[in-house]
PDB file of N, CA and C in Angstrom:
ATOM      1  N   UNK A   1    -132.561  80.199 120.404  1.00  0.00           N
ATOM      2  CA  UNK A   1    -131.246  80.603 120.048  1.00  0.00           C
ATOM      3  C   UNK A   1    -131.005  81.998 120.611  1.00  0.00           C
ATOM      4  N   UNK A   2    -129.829  82.192 121.154  1.00  0.00           N
ATOM      5  CA  UNK A   2    -129.406  83.484 121.674  1.00  0.00           C
ATOM      6  C   UNK A   2    -128.275  83.982 120.788  1.00  0.00           C
ATOM      7  N   UNK A   3    -128.410  85.194 120.290  1.00  0.00           N
ATOM      8  CA  UNK A   3    -127.405  85.785 119.415  1.00  0.00           C
ATOM      9  C   UNK A   3    -126.974  87.106 120.024  1.00  0.00           C
ATOM     10  N   UNK A   4    -125.669  87.365 120.027  1.00  0.00           N
ATOM     11  CA  UNK A   4    -125.172  88.615 120.581  1.00  0.00           C
ATOM     12  C   UNK A   4    -124.055  89.187 119.735  1.00  0.00           C
ATOM     13  N   UNK A   5    -123.838  90.459 119.884  1.00  0.00           N
ATOM     14  CA  UNK A   5    -122.797  91.168 119.148  1.00  0.00           C
ATOM     15  C   UNK A   5    -121.791  91.737 120.134  1.00  0.00           C
ATOM     16  N   UNK A   6    -120.529  91.772 119.736  1.00  0.00           N
ATOM     17  CA  UNK A   6    -119.485  92.336 120.580  1.00  0.00           C
ATOM     18  C   UNK A   6    -119.015  93.694 120.077  1.00  0.00           C
ATOM     19  N   UNK A   7    -119.641  94.216 119.037  1.00  0.00           N
ATOM     20  CA  UNK A   7    -119.145  95.427 118.397  1.00  0.00           C
ATOM     21  C   UNK A   7    -119.212  96.653 119.296  1.00  0.00           C
ATOM     22  N   UNK A   8    -120.292  96.852 120.026  1.00  0.00           N
ATOM     23  CA  UNK A   8    -120.433  98.073 120.819  1.00  0.00           C
ATOM     24  C   UNK A   8    -119.906  97.902 122.244  1.00  0.00           C
ATOM     25  N   UNK A   9    -120.044  96.732 122.801  1.00  0.00           N
ATOM     26  CA  UNK A   9    -119.672  96.540 124.201  1.00  0.00           C
ATOM     27  C   UNK A   9    -118.157  96.529 124.411  1.00  0.00           C
ATOM     28  N   UNK A  10    -117.427  95.882 123.525  1.00  0.00           N
ATOM     29  CA  UNK A  10    -115.985  95.724 123.724  1.00  0.00           C
ATOM     30  C   UNK A  10    -115.156  96.417 122.650  1.00  0.00           C
ATOM     31  N   UNK A  11    -115.766  97.253 121.850  1.00  0.00           N
ATOM     32  CA  UNK A  11    -115.079  97.905 120.718  1.00  0.00           C
ATOM     33  C   UNK A  11    -114.341  96.875 119.876  1.00  0.00           C
ATOM     34  N   UNK A  12    -115.033  95.822 119.545  1.00  0.00           N
ATOM     35  CA  UNK A  12    -114.455  94.712 118.804  1.00  0.00           C
ATOM     36  C   UNK A  12    -115.387  94.351 117.663  1.00  0.00           C
ATOM     37  N   UNK A  13    -115.017  93.345 116.908  1.00  0.00           N
ATOM     38  CA  UNK A  13    -115.891  92.838 115.860  1.00  0.00           C
ATOM     39  C   UNK A  13    -116.260  91.402 116.179  1.00  0.00           C
ATOM     40  N   UNK A  14    -117.343  90.947 115.603  1.00  0.00           N
ATOM     41  CA  UNK A  14    -117.770  89.574 115.799  1.00  0.00           C
ATOM     42  C   UNK A  14    -118.962  89.479 116.724  1.00  0.00           C
ATOM     43  N   UNK A  15    -119.265  88.266 117.072  1.00  0.00           N
ATOM     44  CA  UNK A  15    -120.398  88.024 117.931  1.00  0.00           C
ATOM     45  C   UNK A  15    -120.436  86.567 118.338  1.00  0.00           C
ATOM     46  N   UNK A  16    -121.556  86.162 118.857  1.00  0.00           N
ATOM     47  CA  UNK A  16    -121.699  84.781 119.295  1.00  0.00           C
ATOM     48  C   UNK A  16    -123.142  84.348 119.142  1.00  0.00           C
ATOM     49  N   UNK A  17    -123.344  83.058 119.104  1.00  0.00           N
ATOM     50  CA  UNK A  17    -124.687  82.502 119.162  1.00  0.00           C
ATOM     51  C   UNK A  17    -124.635  81.255 120.028  1.00  0.00           C
ATOM     52  N   UNK A  18    -125.697  81.024 120.747  1.00  0.00           N
ATOM     53  CA  UNK A  18    -125.795  79.876 121.634  1.00  0.00           C
ATOM     54  C   UNK A  18    -127.187  79.290 121.498  1.00  0.00           C
ATOM     55  N   UNK A  19    -127.258  77.992 121.578  1.00  0.00           N
ATOM     56  CA  UNK A  19    -128.547  77.330 121.470  1.00  0.00           C
ATOM     57  C   UNK A  19    -128.381  75.840 121.664  1.00  0.00           C
ATOM     58  N   UNK A  20    -129.396  75.116 121.275  1.00  0.00           N
ATOM     59  CA  UNK A  20    -129.339  73.664 121.396  1.00  0.00           C
ATOM     60  C   UNK A  20    -128.293  73.100 120.433  1.00  0.00           C
ATOM     61  N   UNK A  21    -127.788  71.944 120.754  1.00  0.00           N
ATOM     62  CA  UNK A  21    -126.691  71.348 119.999  1.00  0.00           C
ATOM     63  C   UNK A  21    -127.029  71.181 118.531  1.00  0.00           C
ATOM     64  N   UNK A  22    -128.216  70.689 118.195  1.00  0.00           N
ATOM     65  CA  UNK A  22    -128.536  70.437 116.797  1.00  0.00           C
ATOM     66  C   UNK A  22    -128.642  71.733 116.000  1.00  0.00           C
ATOM     67  N   UNK A  23    -129.042  72.833 116.637  1.00  0.00           N
ATOM     68  CA  UNK A  23    -129.117  74.124 115.942  1.00  0.00           C
ATOM     69  C   UNK A  23    -127.713  74.636 115.638  1.00  0.00           C
ATOM     70  N   UNK A  24    -126.808  74.519 116.599  1.00  0.00           N
ATOM     71  CA  UNK A  24    -125.430  74.972 116.399  1.00  0.00           C
ATOM     72  C   UNK A  24    -124.757  74.141 115.317  1.00  0.00           C
ATOM     73  N   UNK A  25    -124.946  72.829 115.312  1.00  0.00           N
ATOM     74  CA  UNK A  25    -124.366  71.982 114.267  1.00  0.00           C
ATOM     75  C   UNK A  25    -124.919  72.350 112.898  1.00  0.00           C
ATOM     76  N   UNK A  26    -126.200  72.675 112.822  1.00  0.00           N
ATOM     77  CA  UNK A  26    -126.807  73.068 111.552  1.00  0.00           C
ATOM     78  C   UNK A  26    -126.161  74.348 111.034  1.00  0.00           C
ATOM     79  N   UNK A  27    -125.925  75.308 111.899  1.00  0.00           N
ATOM     80  CA  UNK A  27    -125.295  76.558 111.479  1.00  0.00           C
ATOM     81  C   UNK A  27    -123.869  76.325 111.006  1.00  0.00           C
ATOM     82  N   UNK A  28    -123.133  75.479 111.702  1.00  0.00           N
ATOM     83  CA  UNK A  28    -121.759  75.188 111.286  1.00  0.00           C
ATOM     84  C   UNK A  28    -121.745  74.525 109.914  1.00  0.00           C
ATOM     85  N   UNK A  29    -122.651  73.583 109.699  1.00  0.00           N
ATOM     86  CA  UNK A  29    -122.702  72.873 108.429  1.00  0.00           C
ATOM     87  C   UNK A  29    -123.041  73.816 107.287  1.00  0.00           C
ATOM     88  N   UNK A  30    -123.997  74.705 107.483  1.00  0.00           N
ATOM     89  CA  UNK A  30    -124.379  75.656 106.431  1.00  0.00           C
ATOM     90  C   UNK A  30    -123.225  76.580 106.086  1.00  0.00           C
ATOM     91  N   UNK A  31    -122.468  77.023 107.064  1.00  0.00           N
ATOM     92  CA  UNK A  31    -121.320  77.891 106.805  1.00  0.00           C
ATOM     93  C   UNK A  31    -120.239  77.182 106.024  1.00  0.00           C
ATOM     94  N   UNK A  32    -119.966  75.941 106.367  1.00  0.00           N
ATOM     95  CA  UNK A  32    -118.944  75.179 105.644  1.00  0.00           C
ATOM     96  C   UNK A  32    -119.394  74.874 104.228  1.00  0.00           C
ATOM     97  N   UNK A  33    -120.667  74.583 104.057  1.00  0.00           N
ATOM     98  CA  UNK A  33    -121.198  74.298 102.727  1.00  0.00           C
ATOM     99  C   UNK A  33    -121.108  75.530 101.838  1.00  0.00           C
ATOM    100  N   UNK A  34    -121.477  76.681 102.353  1.00  0.00           N
ATOM    101  CA  UNK A  34    -121.391  77.920 101.585  1.00  0.00           C
ATOM    102  C   UNK A  34    -119.945  78.222 101.212  1.00  0.00           C
ATOM    103  N   UNK A  35    -119.030  78.014 102.131  1.00  0.00           N
ATOM    104  CA  UNK A  35    -117.618  78.248 101.862  1.00  0.00           C
ATOM    105  C   UNK A  35    -117.119  77.322 100.755  1.00  0.00           C
ATOM    106  N   UNK A  36    -117.509  76.058 100.779  1.00  0.00           N
ATOM    107  CA  UNK A  36    -117.088  75.106  99.756  1.00  0.00           C
ATOM    108  C   UNK A  36    -117.658  75.472  98.392  1.00  0.00           C
ATOM    109  N   UNK A  37    -118.904  75.901  98.343  1.00  0.00           N
ATOM    110  CA  UNK A  37    -119.522  76.292  97.075  1.00  0.00           C
ATOM    111  C   UNK A  37    -118.826  77.513  96.495  1.00  0.00           C
ATOM    112  N   UNK A  38    -118.513  78.491  97.325  1.00  0.00           N
ATOM    113  CA  UNK A  38    -117.852  79.704  96.844  1.00  0.00           C
ATOM    114  C   UNK A  38    -116.457  79.392  96.310  1.00  0.00           C
ATOM    115  N   UNK A  39    -115.754  78.451  96.916  1.00  0.00           N
ATOM    116  CA  UNK A  39    -114.423  78.081  96.433  1.00  0.00           C
ATOM    117  C   UNK A  39    -114.509  77.386  95.087  1.00  0.00           C
ATOM    118  N   UNK A  40    -115.566  76.642  94.833  1.00  0.00           N
ATOM    119  CA  UNK A  40    -115.726  75.986  93.539  1.00  0.00           C
ATOM    120  C   UNK A  40    -116.031  76.994  92.439  1.00  0.00           C
ATOM    121  N   UNK A  41    -116.778  78.035  92.758  1.00  0.00           N
ATOM    122  CA  UNK A  41    -117.160  79.016  91.753  1.00  0.00           C
ATOM    123  C   UNK A  41    -116.025  79.975  91.426  1.00  0.00           C
ATOM    124  N   UNK A  42    -115.193  80.294  92.397  1.00  0.00           N
ATOM    125  CA  UNK A  42    -114.113  81.263  92.200  1.00  0.00           C
ATOM    126  C   UNK A  42    -112.781  80.636  92.580  1.00  0.00           C
ATOM    127  N   UNK A  43    -112.171  79.882  91.664  1.00  0.00           N
ATOM    128  CA  UNK A  43    -110.907  79.193  92.014  1.00  0.00           C
ATOM    129  C   UNK A  43    -109.746  80.140  92.186  1.00  0.00           C
TER     130      UNK A  43
END
């Protein structure tokens, strides 16, 4: 997995990650799951 930040290079916020397809899908799923759990706890 390759992870990079855009904060210092472009005076911006955010970043990127690149890797094999199954790793990227796993990260997307974990983010959506965390978001759904947080919405259930704090309506």
